[in-house]
Protein backbone atom coordinates (compact mmCIF):
# COMPACT_ATOMS: atom_id res chain seq x y z
CA MET A 1 -5.73 -28.09 -28.46
CA ASN A 2 -4.63 -26.18 -31.55
CA ASN A 3 -7.13 -26.68 -34.47
CA ILE A 4 -4.38 -26.25 -37.15
CA THR A 5 -1.95 -28.78 -38.50
CA ILE A 6 1.19 -27.48 -40.54
CA VAL A 7 1.74 -29.55 -43.41
CA ILE A 8 5.24 -29.23 -45.07
CA ILE A 9 6.04 -30.87 -48.28
CA ALA A 10 9.88 -31.63 -48.67
CA HIS A 11 12.16 -32.64 -51.46
CA LYS A 12 15.86 -32.98 -50.67
CA SER A 13 15.64 -30.01 -48.21
CA SER A 14 16.35 -31.52 -44.92
CA LYS A 15 18.37 -28.28 -43.75
CA THR A 16 15.65 -25.79 -45.18
CA VAL A 17 13.04 -27.96 -43.27
CA LEU A 18 14.84 -28.08 -39.99
CA ASP A 19 15.27 -24.25 -40.18
CA PHE A 20 11.69 -23.75 -40.76
CA ILE A 21 10.17 -26.01 -37.93
CA LYS A 22 12.47 -24.23 -35.41
CA LYS A 23 10.25 -21.19 -35.88
CA ILE A 24 6.99 -23.09 -35.34
CA PRO A 25 5.56 -23.11 -31.75
CA LYS A 26 5.50 -26.65 -30.31
CA ASN A 27 1.68 -26.60 -29.70
CA TYR A 28 1.17 -26.96 -33.58
CA LYS A 29 1.03 -30.49 -34.90
CA ILE A 30 3.23 -30.75 -37.94
CA ILE A 31 3.20 -33.45 -40.80
CA ILE A 32 6.05 -33.49 -43.15
CA VAL A 33 5.57 -35.23 -46.43
CA ASP A 34 9.06 -36.06 -48.00
CA ASN A 35 9.23 -37.33 -51.39
CA SER A 36 12.74 -37.88 -51.90
CA ASN A 37 13.55 -40.65 -49.24
CA ASP A 38 15.77 -38.19 -47.09
CA ASP A 39 16.92 -40.44 -44.28
CA ALA A 40 18.89 -37.49 -42.80
CA LEU A 41 15.63 -35.63 -42.17
CA ASN A 42 14.20 -38.75 -40.33
CA LYS A 43 17.15 -38.96 -38.03
CA LYS A 44 17.00 -35.34 -37.16
CA ILE A 45 13.34 -34.86 -36.33
CA LYS A 46 12.79 -37.89 -34.08
CA LYS A 47 13.45 -35.59 -31.15
CA PHE A 48 10.39 -33.42 -32.08
CA LYS A 49 7.27 -35.02 -30.40
CA ASN A 50 4.89 -33.01 -32.38
CA ILE A 51 6.08 -33.93 -35.81
CA LYS A 52 5.21 -36.83 -38.10
CA LEU A 53 7.24 -37.66 -41.17
CA LYS A 54 5.65 -39.50 -43.93
CA TYR A 55 7.41 -40.69 -47.07
CA MET A 56 5.78 -41.05 -50.68
CA LYS A 57 6.79 -41.32 -54.13
CA ASN A 58 7.36 -37.87 -55.89
CA GLU A 59 4.22 -37.33 -57.53
CA GLY A 60 4.10 -33.44 -57.33
CA TYR A 61 3.41 -30.72 -54.89
CA GLY A 62 -0.41 -31.26 -55.09
CA ALA A 63 -0.14 -34.98 -54.49
CA GLY A 64 2.02 -34.34 -51.65
CA ILE A 65 -0.62 -32.32 -49.90
CA ASN A 66 -3.50 -35.01 -50.64
CA TYR A 67 -1.15 -37.44 -49.14
CA ALA A 68 -0.82 -35.34 -45.99
CA ARG A 69 -4.54 -34.63 -45.67
CA LYS A 70 -4.98 -38.33 -44.90
CA TYR A 71 -3.39 -37.79 -41.43
CA VAL A 72 -4.77 -34.54 -40.63
CA LYS A 73 -7.39 -34.50 -37.69
CA THR A 74 -7.75 -30.93 -37.23
CA LYS A 75 -10.27 -28.32 -38.79
CA TYR A 76 -7.42 -26.54 -40.77
CA LEU A 77 -4.33 -27.58 -42.51
CA PHE A 78 -1.65 -25.03 -43.10
CA VAL A 79 0.37 -25.85 -46.09
CA PHE A 80 3.96 -24.62 -46.44
CA SER A 81 6.85 -24.84 -48.86
CA PRO A 82 9.72 -24.80 -46.29
CA ASP A 83 11.48 -22.06 -47.92
CA VAL A 84 9.09 -19.51 -47.21
CA LEU A 85 10.46 -16.78 -45.05
CA GLY A 86 8.61 -14.63 -42.38
CA VAL A 87 6.87 -17.43 -40.74
CA ASN A 88 6.76 -17.56 -36.92
CA LYS A 89 4.57 -17.27 -33.96
CA THR A 90 3.30 -13.80 -34.65
CA PHE A 91 2.43 -14.70 -38.46
CA LEU A 92 0.50 -17.70 -37.17
CA GLU A 93 -1.41 -15.57 -34.65
CA GLU A 94 -2.76 -13.58 -37.39
CA PHE A 95 -4.25 -16.50 -39.02
CA GLU A 96 -5.68 -17.73 -35.64
CA LYS A 97 -7.38 -14.29 -35.27
CA ALA A 98 -9.13 -14.49 -38.75
CA ILE A 99 -10.42 -18.10 -37.79
CA LYS A 100 -11.69 -16.85 -34.54
CA ASN A 101 -13.52 -14.00 -36.27
CA LYS A 102 -15.52 -16.75 -38.00
CA ILE A 103 -15.05 -15.59 -41.56
CA LYS A 104 -16.30 -18.27 -43.94
CA PHE A 105 -13.53 -19.35 -46.18
CA GLY A 106 -12.00 -22.02 -48.39
CA VAL A 107 -8.50 -21.03 -48.06
CA LEU A 108 -6.45 -18.23 -46.53
CA GLY A 109 -2.98 -16.82 -47.42
CA PRO A 110 -0.41 -14.19 -46.31
CA ARG A 111 0.78 -11.17 -48.06
CA PHE A 112 4.07 -11.47 -50.08
CA LEU A 113 6.59 -8.76 -49.89
CA ASN A 114 8.91 -9.60 -53.02
CA VAL A 115 6.23 -9.99 -55.82
CA SER A 116 5.09 -7.78 -58.56
CA GLN A 117 1.26 -7.38 -59.14
CA LYS A 118 1.92 -8.70 -62.58
CA SER A 119 3.15 -12.06 -61.48
CA HIS A 120 1.14 -12.43 -58.23
CA ARG A 121 -2.18 -10.36 -57.76
CA GLN A 122 -2.80 -9.37 -54.13
CA SER A 123 -5.49 -7.77 -52.35
CA ASN A 124 -5.81 -4.06 -51.40
CA ILE A 125 -3.06 -3.72 -48.84
CA LYS A 126 -5.40 -1.40 -46.69
CA ASP A 127 -7.78 -4.26 -46.08
CA PRO A 128 -6.83 -6.32 -42.84
CA ILE A 129 -8.35 -9.28 -44.78
CA GLY A 130 -8.77 -8.84 -48.55
CA GLU A 131 -10.83 -11.11 -50.61
CA ILE A 132 -8.91 -12.46 -53.72
CA ASN A 133 -9.22 -14.77 -56.52
CA ALA A 134 -6.09 -17.16 -55.73
CA ILE A 135 -3.30 -17.30 -53.49
CA SER A 136 0.41 -18.57 -53.52
CA GLY A 137 0.62 -22.34 -53.07
CA SER A 138 3.67 -22.00 -50.78
CA ALA A 139 1.58 -20.76 -47.84
CA MET A 140 -2.15 -21.85 -47.79
CA LEU A 141 -4.33 -22.27 -44.62
CA ILE A 142 -7.00 -24.59 -45.94
CA ASN A 143 -10.43 -25.39 -44.58
CA THR A 144 -10.57 -29.28 -44.50
CA LYS A 145 -14.36 -29.30 -45.21
CA ALA A 146 -13.80 -27.18 -48.16
CA PHE A 147 -10.42 -29.32 -49.28
CA ASP A 148 -12.71 -32.65 -49.04
CA ASP A 149 -15.63 -30.93 -51.02
CA ILE A 150 -13.37 -30.30 -54.06
CA ARG A 151 -11.32 -33.51 -53.48
CA GLY A 152 -8.29 -31.92 -52.95
CA PHE A 153 -5.58 -30.94 -55.69
CA ASP A 154 -5.59 -32.20 -59.10
CA GLU A 155 -2.75 -34.76 -59.15
CA LYS A 156 -2.38 -34.45 -63.04
CA ILE A 157 -0.47 -31.12 -62.23
CA PHE A 158 3.12 -32.09 -60.98
CA LEU A 159 4.31 -28.44 -60.62
CA PHE A 160 3.11 -24.95 -61.05
CA PHE A 161 -0.39 -23.46 -61.23
CA GLU A 162 -1.84 -26.26 -58.86
CA GLU A 163 -2.90 -23.50 -56.56
CA ASN A 164 -4.75 -21.52 -59.25
CA ASP A 165 -6.58 -24.76 -60.27
CA PHE A 166 -7.37 -25.35 -56.63
CA CYS A 167 -8.66 -21.80 -55.93
CA GLY A 168 -10.65 -21.74 -59.09
CA ARG A 169 -12.56 -24.93 -58.03
CA LEU A 170 -13.02 -23.67 -54.53
CA TYR A 171 -14.56 -20.45 -56.13
CA LYS A 172 -16.87 -22.49 -58.14
CA LYS A 173 -18.35 -24.12 -55.12
CA LYS A 174 -18.73 -20.67 -53.55
CA TYR A 175 -15.96 -20.74 -51.10
CA LYS A 176 -14.13 -17.44 -50.38
CA ILE A 177 -10.52 -17.01 -50.80
CA PHE A 178 -8.74 -14.26 -48.50
CA GLN A 179 -5.51 -12.66 -47.98
CA ILE A 180 -4.30 -11.92 -44.34
CA ASN A 181 -2.50 -8.70 -45.12
CA LYS A 182 -0.96 -8.21 -41.67
CA ALA A 183 0.89 -11.61 -42.13
CA LYS A 184 3.81 -11.01 -44.36
CA ALA A 185 5.88 -13.56 -46.11
CA THR A 186 8.79 -13.63 -48.55
CA ASN A 187 9.45 -16.35 -51.50
CA PRO A 188 13.12 -16.74 -51.99
CA LYS A 189 13.90 -16.01 -55.72
CA GLY A 190 16.06 -18.28 -57.87
CA VAL A 191 16.72 -21.92 -58.12
CA LYS A 192 19.50 -21.87 -55.76
CA LYS A 193 17.64 -20.25 -53.00
CA GLY A 194 14.66 -22.53 -53.54
CA VAL A 195 13.41 -25.54 -51.55
CA VAL A 196 15.57 -28.20 -53.44
CA GLN A 197 19.23 -28.28 -52.08
CA ILE A 198 21.27 -28.63 -55.30
CA LYS A 199 24.80 -28.40 -56.45
CA ASP A 200 25.96 -25.62 -58.80
CA LYS A 201 26.46 -28.01 -61.68
CA ASN A 202 22.68 -29.08 -61.40
CA VAL A 203 21.26 -25.50 -61.26
CA GLU A 204 20.65 -25.30 -65.10
CA LYS A 205 19.32 -28.69 -65.30
CA LEU A 206 16.54 -27.82 -62.76
CA GLN A 207 15.88 -24.57 -64.23
CA ASN A 208 15.07 -26.40 -67.39
CA PHE A 209 13.03 -28.78 -65.74
CA TYR A 210 10.99 -25.76 -64.15
CA GLY A 211 10.53 -24.43 -67.51
CA TRP A 212 9.17 -27.72 -68.80
CA HIS A 213 6.34 -27.84 -66.16
CA PHE A 214 5.62 -24.29 -66.11
CA MET A 215 4.47 -24.39 -69.67
CA TRP A 216 2.91 -27.76 -69.38
CA SER A 217 0.82 -26.62 -66.27
CA LYS A 218 0.02 -23.17 -67.66
CA TYR A 219 -1.70 -24.52 -70.47
CA TYR A 220 -3.43 -27.52 -68.75
CA VAL A 221 -4.95 -25.32 -66.14
CA TYR A 222 -6.13 -22.46 -68.93
CA LYS A 223 -7.68 -25.42 -71.10
CA LYS A 224 -9.33 -26.96 -68.02
CA ASN A 225 -11.02 -23.48 -67.34
CA ASN A 226 -11.98 -22.82 -70.67
CA ASN A 227 -12.09 -25.27 -73.45
CA ASN A 228 -9.46 -26.75 -76.13
CA LEU A 229 -10.13 -24.37 -79.00
CA ILE A 230 -10.07 -21.14 -76.91
CA ALA A 231 -6.65 -22.51 -75.48
CA ILE A 232 -5.12 -23.38 -78.58
CA ILE A 233 -5.96 -19.87 -80.09
CA THR A 234 -4.64 -18.27 -76.92
CA PHE A 235 -1.34 -20.16 -76.81
CA THR A 236 -0.43 -20.31 -80.67
CA PRO A 237 1.33 -16.92 -80.43
CA ILE A 238 3.11 -18.18 -77.26
CA LEU A 239 3.97 -21.50 -79.41
CA ILE A 240 5.43 -19.35 -82.20
CA ARG A 241 7.63 -17.19 -79.88
CA LEU A 242 9.05 -20.24 -78.21
CA ILE A 243 9.91 -21.83 -81.49
CA LEU A 244 11.75 -18.76 -82.59
CA ARG A 245 13.50 -18.37 -79.21
CA THR A 246 14.49 -22.11 -79.44
CA PHE A 247 16.25 -21.51 -82.71
CA ILE A 248 17.82 -18.36 -81.64
CA SER A 249 19.10 -19.92 -78.45
CA TYR A 250 20.76 -23.01 -80.55
CA LEU A 251 22.74 -20.28 -82.27
CA PHE A 252 23.77 -17.70 -79.54
CA SER A 253 22.87 -19.10 -76.07
CA SER A 254 25.01 -20.97 -73.53
CA ASN A 255 21.77 -22.58 -72.28
CA LYS A 256 20.71 -24.09 -75.56
CA GLN A 257 17.81 -26.11 -73.82
CA LYS A 258 16.09 -23.37 -71.95
CA TYR A 259 13.53 -22.53 -74.56
CA ASN A 260 13.47 -26.04 -75.99
CA MET A 261 12.26 -27.52 -72.69
CA ARG A 262 9.62 -24.83 -72.32
CA LEU A 263 8.63 -25.63 -75.91
CA GLN A 264 8.60 -29.26 -75.13
CA GLY A 265 6.42 -28.77 -72.34
CA LEU A 266 3.80 -26.62 -73.83
CA VAL A 267 3.64 -28.94 -77.06
CA THR A 268 3.19 -32.07 -74.77
CA SER A 269 0.28 -30.37 -72.95
CA MET A 270 -1.29 -28.99 -76.27
CA ILE A 271 -1.46 -32.55 -77.57
CA GLY A 272 -2.80 -34.00 -74.55
CA ILE A 273 0.09 -35.97 -73.10
CA ARG A 274 0.28 -36.22 -69.21
CA SER A 275 2.73 -34.36 -67.35
CA TYR A 276 5.44 -37.03 -67.45
CA LYS A 277 8.98 -35.10 -67.14
CA ARG A 278 11.05 -36.13 -64.04
CA ILE A 279 14.71 -35.38 -63.11
CA ILE A 280 17.23 -37.00 -60.60
CA LEU A 281 19.54 -34.66 -59.19
């Protein structure tokens, strides 16, 4: 019996989810957590005996993973955002090999092909298994013992940097984080190619929503790992730049809310208000 349960977090993404699960061998248990009440998805996966669909209120990516954990009976859970490309039998076998080698880890991740070292630090590609500080949340093979030891993901974080916080807490508990460099994946770039299936008229709205949460979570996680004074000192130049860019965008930009939403997200986080921003598309 396979010792890995695949966990997929879905939101208005039935087509993307269906395309993804077709590439997963049927000997893997799959739990899909949908937080958008997608009835179409429920109808289409009934024929898959290895899949369970669970619904929940949309409380964010990390909350979705925590919810799925309640139903995982295997030693490992492999969390995916369904828009990740490159996942197939061969990809999964590389992780199976790592587990069989009995390396002690809290979480494993693949190598991503379309990211810069600045935006996403990766291990030395020459190392088959490279130790790293954090991995992308879009593909994470998690040791359930480690998951339970740190009590899962911080549900105060709705979007962005939840994996950084998760990996940071694993590291403090002496769990190692590794990247499997032979398992290669790609993250689609751009809102239109992402996990949420949206109409063209809603692209700008979703981009601005992401901008709000990006800044809220970035400050929150930084403050959590340092202290409030250091966080304020570090982020004050960013705050000033956002104020200036907001003013300029109102004068010259077609998307007048872009920097204003980022500014609102940062200020909200800096004054200690929870991550409350939600949208309906």
